[in-house]
N, C-alpha and C. Protein backbone atom coordinates (compact mmCIF):
# COMPACT_ATOMS: atom_id res chain seq x y z
N UNK A 1 78.38 38.17 1.02
CA UNK A 1 77.91 37.22 2.01
C UNK A 1 78.47 35.84 1.66
N UNK A 2 78.92 35.13 2.63
CA UNK A 2 79.49 33.81 2.39
C UNK A 2 78.46 32.74 2.71
N UNK A 3 78.52 31.68 1.92
CA UNK A 3 77.61 30.56 2.12
C UNK A 3 78.32 29.46 2.87
N UNK A 4 77.61 28.82 3.76
CA UNK A 4 78.17 27.70 4.50
C UNK A 4 77.93 26.43 3.70
N UNK A 5 78.98 25.76 3.31
CA UNK A 5 78.87 24.55 2.50
C UNK A 5 79.36 23.37 3.33
N UNK A 6 78.57 22.35 3.39
CA UNK A 6 78.94 21.16 4.13
C UNK A 6 79.87 20.29 3.29
N UNK A 7 80.85 19.73 3.93
CA UNK A 7 81.78 18.86 3.21
C UNK A 7 81.34 17.40 3.31
N UNK A 8 80.25 17.15 4.02
CA UNK A 8 79.75 15.78 4.11
C UNK A 8 78.99 15.42 2.85
N UNK A 9 79.04 14.13 2.51
CA UNK A 9 78.28 13.63 1.37
C UNK A 9 76.82 13.44 1.79
N UNK A 10 75.92 13.85 0.94
CA UNK A 10 74.50 13.63 1.21
C UNK A 10 74.19 12.14 1.21
N UNK A 11 73.30 11.73 2.11
CA UNK A 11 72.88 10.34 2.14
C UNK A 11 71.78 10.14 1.11
N UNK A 12 72.02 9.25 0.17
CA UNK A 12 71.03 8.91 -0.84
C UNK A 12 70.75 7.43 -0.70
N UNK A 13 69.55 7.12 -0.31
CA UNK A 13 69.17 5.73 -0.11
C UNK A 13 69.06 5.03 -1.45
N UNK A 14 69.69 3.89 -1.57
CA UNK A 14 69.66 3.14 -2.82
C UNK A 14 68.29 2.50 -2.99
N UNK A 15 67.72 2.68 -4.15
CA UNK A 15 66.40 2.11 -4.43
C UNK A 15 66.50 1.33 -5.74
N UNK A 16 66.46 0.02 -5.63
CA UNK A 16 66.57 -0.81 -6.83
C UNK A 16 65.17 -1.02 -7.43
N UNK A 17 65.09 -1.38 -8.70
CA UNK A 17 63.78 -1.62 -9.32
C UNK A 17 63.02 -2.81 -8.72
N UNK A 18 63.72 -3.66 -8.01
CA UNK A 18 63.08 -4.85 -7.43
C UNK A 18 62.89 -4.73 -5.92
N UNK A 19 62.80 -3.51 -5.39
CA UNK A 19 62.68 -3.31 -3.95
C UNK A 19 61.48 -4.02 -3.37
N UNK A 20 60.42 -4.13 -4.12
CA UNK A 20 59.17 -4.70 -3.62
C UNK A 20 59.20 -6.22 -3.56
N UNK A 21 60.17 -6.85 -4.21
CA UNK A 21 60.24 -8.32 -4.23
C UNK A 21 60.86 -8.91 -2.97
N UNK A 22 61.40 -8.09 -2.11
CA UNK A 22 62.09 -8.58 -0.91
C UNK A 22 61.12 -8.93 0.23
N UNK A 23 59.96 -8.33 0.25
CA UNK A 23 59.02 -8.53 1.35
C UNK A 23 57.71 -9.14 0.83
N UNK A 24 57.20 -10.17 1.50
CA UNK A 24 55.92 -10.76 1.09
C UNK A 24 54.77 -9.74 1.14
N UNK A 25 54.83 -8.83 2.10
CA UNK A 25 53.78 -7.81 2.21
C UNK A 25 53.74 -6.95 0.95
N UNK A 26 54.90 -6.50 0.50
CA UNK A 26 54.95 -5.64 -0.68
C UNK A 26 54.65 -6.42 -1.95
N UNK A 27 55.02 -7.70 -2.01
CA UNK A 27 54.67 -8.52 -3.19
C UNK A 27 53.15 -8.62 -3.32
N UNK A 28 52.49 -8.88 -2.20
CA UNK A 28 51.03 -8.97 -2.24
C UNK A 28 50.40 -7.61 -2.57
N UNK A 29 50.98 -6.55 -2.04
CA UNK A 29 50.50 -5.20 -2.34
C UNK A 29 50.59 -4.92 -3.84
N UNK A 30 51.71 -5.29 -4.45
CA UNK A 30 51.87 -5.06 -5.89
C UNK A 30 50.89 -5.93 -6.70
N UNK A 31 50.65 -7.14 -6.24
CA UNK A 31 49.67 -8.00 -6.90
C UNK A 31 48.28 -7.37 -6.83
N UNK A 32 47.93 -6.85 -5.66
CA UNK A 32 46.63 -6.21 -5.51
C UNK A 32 46.51 -4.98 -6.39
N UNK A 33 47.55 -4.19 -6.48
CA UNK A 33 47.52 -3.00 -7.33
C UNK A 33 47.47 -3.39 -8.81
N UNK A 34 48.04 -4.54 -9.15
CA UNK A 34 48.03 -5.00 -10.54
C UNK A 34 46.63 -5.45 -10.98
N UNK A 35 45.70 -5.61 -10.04
CA UNK A 35 44.34 -5.99 -10.43
C UNK A 35 43.64 -4.87 -11.20
N UNK A 36 44.26 -3.71 -11.27
CA UNK A 36 43.69 -2.62 -12.07
C UNK A 36 43.77 -2.95 -13.56
N UNK A 37 44.77 -3.71 -13.96
CA UNK A 37 44.93 -4.03 -15.39
C UNK A 37 43.80 -4.91 -15.93
N UNK A 38 43.42 -6.01 -15.25
CA UNK A 38 42.26 -6.76 -15.74
C UNK A 38 40.97 -5.93 -15.70
N UNK A 39 40.89 -4.99 -14.78
CA UNK A 39 39.71 -4.13 -14.72
C UNK A 39 39.62 -3.25 -15.96
N UNK A 40 40.76 -2.78 -16.43
CA UNK A 40 40.79 -2.00 -17.68
C UNK A 40 40.30 -2.86 -18.83
N UNK A 41 40.74 -4.11 -18.89
CA UNK A 41 40.28 -5.03 -19.94
C UNK A 41 38.76 -5.17 -19.90
N UNK A 42 38.21 -5.39 -18.71
CA UNK A 42 36.77 -5.57 -18.59
C UNK A 42 36.03 -4.31 -19.03
N UNK A 43 36.54 -3.14 -18.68
CA UNK A 43 35.91 -1.88 -19.09
C UNK A 43 35.92 -1.72 -20.61
N UNK A 44 37.02 -2.13 -21.25
CA UNK A 44 37.08 -2.04 -22.71
C UNK A 44 36.08 -3.00 -23.37
N UNK A 45 35.94 -4.19 -22.81
CA UNK A 45 34.94 -5.14 -23.34
C UNK A 45 33.54 -4.57 -23.17
N UNK A 46 33.28 -3.97 -22.03
CA UNK A 46 31.97 -3.36 -21.78
C UNK A 46 31.72 -2.20 -22.74
N UNK A 47 32.73 -1.39 -22.99
CA UNK A 47 32.61 -0.28 -23.94
C UNK A 47 32.32 -0.81 -25.35
N UNK A 48 33.00 -1.88 -25.72
CA UNK A 48 32.76 -2.48 -27.03
C UNK A 48 31.32 -3.00 -27.13
N UNK A 49 30.80 -3.57 -26.04
CA UNK A 49 29.41 -4.05 -26.03
C UNK A 49 28.44 -2.90 -26.24
N UNK A 50 28.68 -1.78 -25.58
CA UNK A 50 27.80 -0.61 -25.73
C UNK A 50 27.87 -0.09 -27.17
N UNK A 51 29.07 -0.06 -27.74
CA UNK A 51 29.20 0.40 -29.13
C UNK A 51 28.49 -0.55 -30.09
N UNK A 52 28.56 -1.84 -29.84
CA UNK A 52 27.87 -2.82 -30.70
C UNK A 52 26.36 -2.71 -30.56
N UNK A 53 25.89 -2.33 -29.38
CA UNK A 53 24.45 -2.16 -29.19
C UNK A 53 23.92 -0.99 -30.02
N UNK A 54 24.77 -0.05 -30.32
CA UNK A 54 24.36 1.13 -31.09
C UNK A 54 24.11 0.85 -32.55
N UNK A 55 24.69 -0.21 -33.08
CA UNK A 55 24.49 -0.53 -34.50
C UNK A 55 23.47 -1.65 -34.65
N UNK A 56 22.82 -1.67 -35.80
CA UNK A 56 21.79 -2.67 -36.04
C UNK A 56 22.43 -4.04 -36.19
N UNK A 57 21.98 -5.01 -35.42
CA UNK A 57 22.50 -6.38 -35.39
C UNK A 57 23.98 -6.45 -35.03
N UNK A 58 24.56 -5.37 -34.56
CA UNK A 58 25.98 -5.37 -34.22
C UNK A 58 26.29 -6.22 -33.01
N UNK A 59 25.34 -6.29 -32.09
CA UNK A 59 25.58 -7.07 -30.87
C UNK A 59 25.65 -8.55 -31.21
N UNK A 60 24.70 -9.01 -32.02
CA UNK A 60 24.66 -10.43 -32.37
C UNK A 60 25.78 -10.79 -33.34
N UNK A 61 26.04 -9.93 -34.31
CA UNK A 61 27.03 -10.25 -35.34
C UNK A 61 28.47 -9.99 -34.91
N UNK A 62 28.69 -9.03 -34.04
CA UNK A 62 30.06 -8.67 -33.67
C UNK A 62 30.44 -9.04 -32.24
N UNK A 63 29.60 -8.65 -31.29
CA UNK A 63 29.99 -8.79 -29.89
C UNK A 63 29.95 -10.23 -29.41
N UNK A 64 28.89 -10.95 -29.69
CA UNK A 64 28.78 -12.32 -29.19
C UNK A 64 29.90 -13.22 -29.73
N UNK A 65 30.20 -13.17 -31.04
CA UNK A 65 31.36 -13.98 -31.49
C UNK A 65 32.68 -13.53 -30.84
N UNK A 66 32.82 -12.24 -30.58
CA UNK A 66 34.03 -11.74 -29.92
C UNK A 66 34.16 -12.31 -28.52
N UNK A 67 33.06 -12.32 -27.76
CA UNK A 67 33.09 -12.81 -26.39
C UNK A 67 33.26 -14.33 -26.35
N UNK A 68 32.86 -15.03 -27.40
CA UNK A 68 33.00 -16.48 -27.43
C UNK A 68 34.41 -16.94 -27.82
N UNK A 69 35.25 -16.02 -28.22
CA UNK A 69 36.64 -16.34 -28.56
C UNK A 69 37.33 -16.88 -27.30
N UNK A 70 38.06 -18.02 -27.41
CA UNK A 70 38.70 -18.61 -26.22
C UNK A 70 39.69 -17.66 -25.52
N UNK A 71 40.39 -16.85 -26.26
CA UNK A 71 41.34 -15.91 -25.64
C UNK A 71 40.58 -14.89 -24.81
N UNK A 72 39.45 -14.42 -25.31
CA UNK A 72 38.64 -13.45 -24.58
C UNK A 72 38.05 -14.09 -23.32
N UNK A 73 37.65 -15.35 -23.43
CA UNK A 73 37.12 -16.06 -22.26
C UNK A 73 38.20 -16.17 -21.18
N UNK A 74 39.42 -16.51 -21.58
CA UNK A 74 40.51 -16.62 -20.62
C UNK A 74 40.81 -15.27 -19.98
N UNK A 75 40.85 -14.21 -20.79
CA UNK A 75 41.09 -12.87 -20.25
C UNK A 75 39.98 -12.44 -19.29
N UNK A 76 38.75 -12.81 -19.60
CA UNK A 76 37.63 -12.49 -18.71
C UNK A 76 37.72 -13.26 -17.40
N UNK A 77 38.20 -14.51 -17.44
CA UNK A 77 38.37 -15.28 -16.21
C UNK A 77 39.49 -14.69 -15.35
N UNK A 78 40.56 -14.22 -16.00
CA UNK A 78 41.63 -13.54 -15.26
C UNK A 78 41.09 -12.26 -14.63
N UNK A 79 40.26 -11.55 -15.38
CA UNK A 79 39.65 -10.33 -14.86
C UNK A 79 38.75 -10.63 -13.65
N UNK A 80 38.01 -11.71 -13.73
CA UNK A 80 37.16 -12.12 -12.61
C UNK A 80 37.99 -12.47 -11.38
N UNK A 81 39.09 -13.19 -11.59
CA UNK A 81 39.97 -13.53 -10.47
C UNK A 81 40.55 -12.27 -9.83
N UNK A 82 40.94 -11.31 -10.65
CA UNK A 82 41.45 -10.04 -10.12
C UNK A 82 40.40 -9.30 -9.33
N UNK A 83 39.18 -9.30 -9.83
CA UNK A 83 38.08 -8.64 -9.12
C UNK A 83 37.82 -9.29 -7.77
N UNK A 84 37.82 -10.62 -7.74
CA UNK A 84 37.57 -11.32 -6.47
C UNK A 84 38.70 -11.07 -5.47
N UNK A 85 39.95 -11.06 -5.92
CA UNK A 85 41.06 -10.76 -5.03
C UNK A 85 40.94 -9.33 -4.49
N UNK A 86 40.61 -8.40 -5.37
CA UNK A 86 40.48 -7.01 -4.96
C UNK A 86 39.34 -6.84 -3.95
N UNK A 87 38.21 -7.49 -4.21
CA UNK A 87 37.07 -7.40 -3.29
C UNK A 87 37.42 -8.00 -1.93
N UNK A 88 38.10 -9.14 -1.93
CA UNK A 88 38.46 -9.80 -0.68
C UNK A 88 39.38 -8.91 0.17
N UNK A 89 40.39 -8.35 -0.45
CA UNK A 89 41.31 -7.50 0.30
C UNK A 89 40.64 -6.19 0.72
N UNK A 90 39.73 -5.69 -0.10
CA UNK A 90 39.00 -4.48 0.27
C UNK A 90 38.14 -4.73 1.50
N UNK A 91 37.47 -5.87 1.54
CA UNK A 91 36.64 -6.19 2.70
C UNK A 91 37.50 -6.35 3.96
N UNK A 92 38.68 -6.94 3.83
CA UNK A 92 39.57 -7.08 4.99
C UNK A 92 40.00 -5.72 5.52
N UNK A 93 40.39 -4.83 4.61
CA UNK A 93 40.82 -3.50 5.04
C UNK A 93 39.66 -2.69 5.61
N UNK A 94 38.49 -2.80 4.99
CA UNK A 94 37.33 -2.06 5.47
C UNK A 94 36.95 -2.51 6.88
N UNK A 95 37.04 -3.81 7.13
CA UNK A 95 36.74 -4.31 8.47
C UNK A 95 37.68 -3.73 9.51
N UNK A 96 38.96 -3.63 9.17
CA UNK A 96 39.93 -3.07 10.11
C UNK A 96 39.67 -1.59 10.36
N UNK A 97 39.37 -0.84 9.32
CA UNK A 97 39.17 0.60 9.45
C UNK A 97 37.87 0.90 10.20
N UNK A 98 36.79 0.20 9.82
CA UNK A 98 35.50 0.48 10.44
C UNK A 98 35.42 0.00 11.88
N UNK A 99 36.26 -0.98 12.23
CA UNK A 99 36.24 -1.47 13.61
C UNK A 99 36.62 -0.36 14.59
N UNK A 100 37.52 0.49 14.18
CA UNK A 100 37.93 1.59 15.05
C UNK A 100 36.89 2.68 15.18
N UNK A 101 36.03 2.85 14.20
CA UNK A 101 35.06 3.94 14.24
C UNK A 101 33.67 3.50 14.68
N UNK A 102 33.33 2.22 14.48
CA UNK A 102 31.98 1.77 14.81
C UNK A 102 31.88 1.04 16.14
N UNK A 103 33.01 0.54 16.62
CA UNK A 103 32.99 -0.21 17.86
C UNK A 103 32.70 -1.69 17.65
N UNK A 104 32.40 -2.10 16.42
CA UNK A 104 32.18 -3.51 16.11
C UNK A 104 33.52 -4.19 15.89
N UNK A 105 33.54 -5.50 16.06
CA UNK A 105 34.77 -6.24 15.80
C UNK A 105 35.02 -6.28 14.29
N UNK A 106 36.29 -6.29 13.92
CA UNK A 106 36.67 -6.30 12.50
C UNK A 106 36.15 -7.55 11.81
N UNK A 107 36.17 -8.68 12.52
CA UNK A 107 35.71 -9.94 11.92
C UNK A 107 34.22 -9.90 11.59
N UNK A 108 33.42 -9.25 12.42
CA UNK A 108 31.97 -9.13 12.17
C UNK A 108 31.72 -8.30 10.91
N UNK A 109 32.42 -7.19 10.80
CA UNK A 109 32.26 -6.32 9.62
C UNK A 109 32.71 -7.05 8.37
N UNK A 110 33.84 -7.73 8.47
CA UNK A 110 34.39 -8.48 7.32
C UNK A 110 33.40 -9.54 6.85
N UNK A 111 32.87 -10.32 7.77
CA UNK A 111 31.91 -11.38 7.41
C UNK A 111 30.63 -10.80 6.84
N UNK A 112 30.14 -9.69 7.39
CA UNK A 112 28.93 -9.05 6.88
C UNK A 112 29.13 -8.58 5.44
N UNK A 113 30.28 -8.00 5.16
CA UNK A 113 30.56 -7.55 3.79
C UNK A 113 30.67 -8.73 2.83
N UNK A 114 31.31 -9.81 3.26
CA UNK A 114 31.44 -10.98 2.40
C UNK A 114 30.08 -11.63 2.14
N UNK A 115 29.25 -11.69 3.15
CA UNK A 115 27.90 -12.25 2.96
C UNK A 115 27.08 -11.37 2.04
N UNK A 116 27.16 -10.05 2.21
CA UNK A 116 26.43 -9.14 1.33
C UNK A 116 26.91 -9.28 -0.12
N UNK A 117 28.22 -9.43 -0.31
CA UNK A 117 28.78 -9.62 -1.65
C UNK A 117 28.25 -10.90 -2.27
N UNK A 118 28.21 -11.97 -1.48
CA UNK A 118 27.70 -13.25 -1.98
C UNK A 118 26.22 -13.18 -2.33
N UNK A 119 25.43 -12.53 -1.50
CA UNK A 119 23.99 -12.43 -1.76
C UNK A 119 23.73 -11.61 -3.02
N UNK A 120 24.41 -10.48 -3.15
CA UNK A 120 24.22 -9.65 -4.34
C UNK A 120 24.68 -10.39 -5.59
N UNK A 121 25.76 -11.16 -5.51
CA UNK A 121 26.25 -11.93 -6.65
C UNK A 121 25.25 -13.00 -7.05
N UNK A 122 24.69 -13.70 -6.09
CA UNK A 122 23.70 -14.73 -6.39
C UNK A 122 22.45 -14.12 -7.01
N UNK A 123 21.99 -12.99 -6.46
CA UNK A 123 20.82 -12.32 -7.04
C UNK A 123 21.09 -11.87 -8.47
N UNK A 124 22.30 -11.37 -8.74
CA UNK A 124 22.65 -10.96 -10.10
C UNK A 124 22.65 -12.15 -11.05
N UNK A 125 23.15 -13.30 -10.59
CA UNK A 125 23.14 -14.49 -11.43
C UNK A 125 21.72 -14.96 -11.70
N UNK A 126 20.88 -14.93 -10.68
CA UNK A 126 19.47 -15.33 -10.86
C UNK A 126 18.79 -14.40 -11.86
N UNK A 127 18.98 -13.09 -11.72
CA UNK A 127 18.37 -12.15 -12.64
C UNK A 127 18.91 -12.31 -14.06
N UNK A 128 20.17 -12.68 -14.20
CA UNK A 128 20.75 -12.87 -15.52
C UNK A 128 20.19 -14.12 -16.21
N UNK A 129 19.79 -15.11 -15.42
CA UNK A 129 19.27 -16.35 -16.01
C UNK A 129 17.79 -16.30 -16.28
N UNK A 130 17.10 -15.29 -15.78
CA UNK A 130 15.65 -15.18 -16.01
C UNK A 130 15.39 -14.71 -17.42
């Protein structure tokens, strides 16, 4: 049996490592996806806090001085900024998606989610200060 072989060259689309830098949409997308890295940092700090709670006086002797380190404070602020960016973009996307299924305007859903986020954040701060 004979095989039919094409003499044409296959089209292979060139994909450079910097493909995402050409479009503002993709740059912002990559920034949003990069917010996973500060989240990993925050999870590791939280895990360290739980481990320190398991030992006697470990929280006071180990964790609190660790969290007071200026480098850790800066990393935690970067983590907070990443969380806020991620939450903002999540609320925007959720408003667009839910608008099609609920019949409400996307702006109403977006504002309701942002207000709920603000209220829960304020309540958490009040409870933390009590």
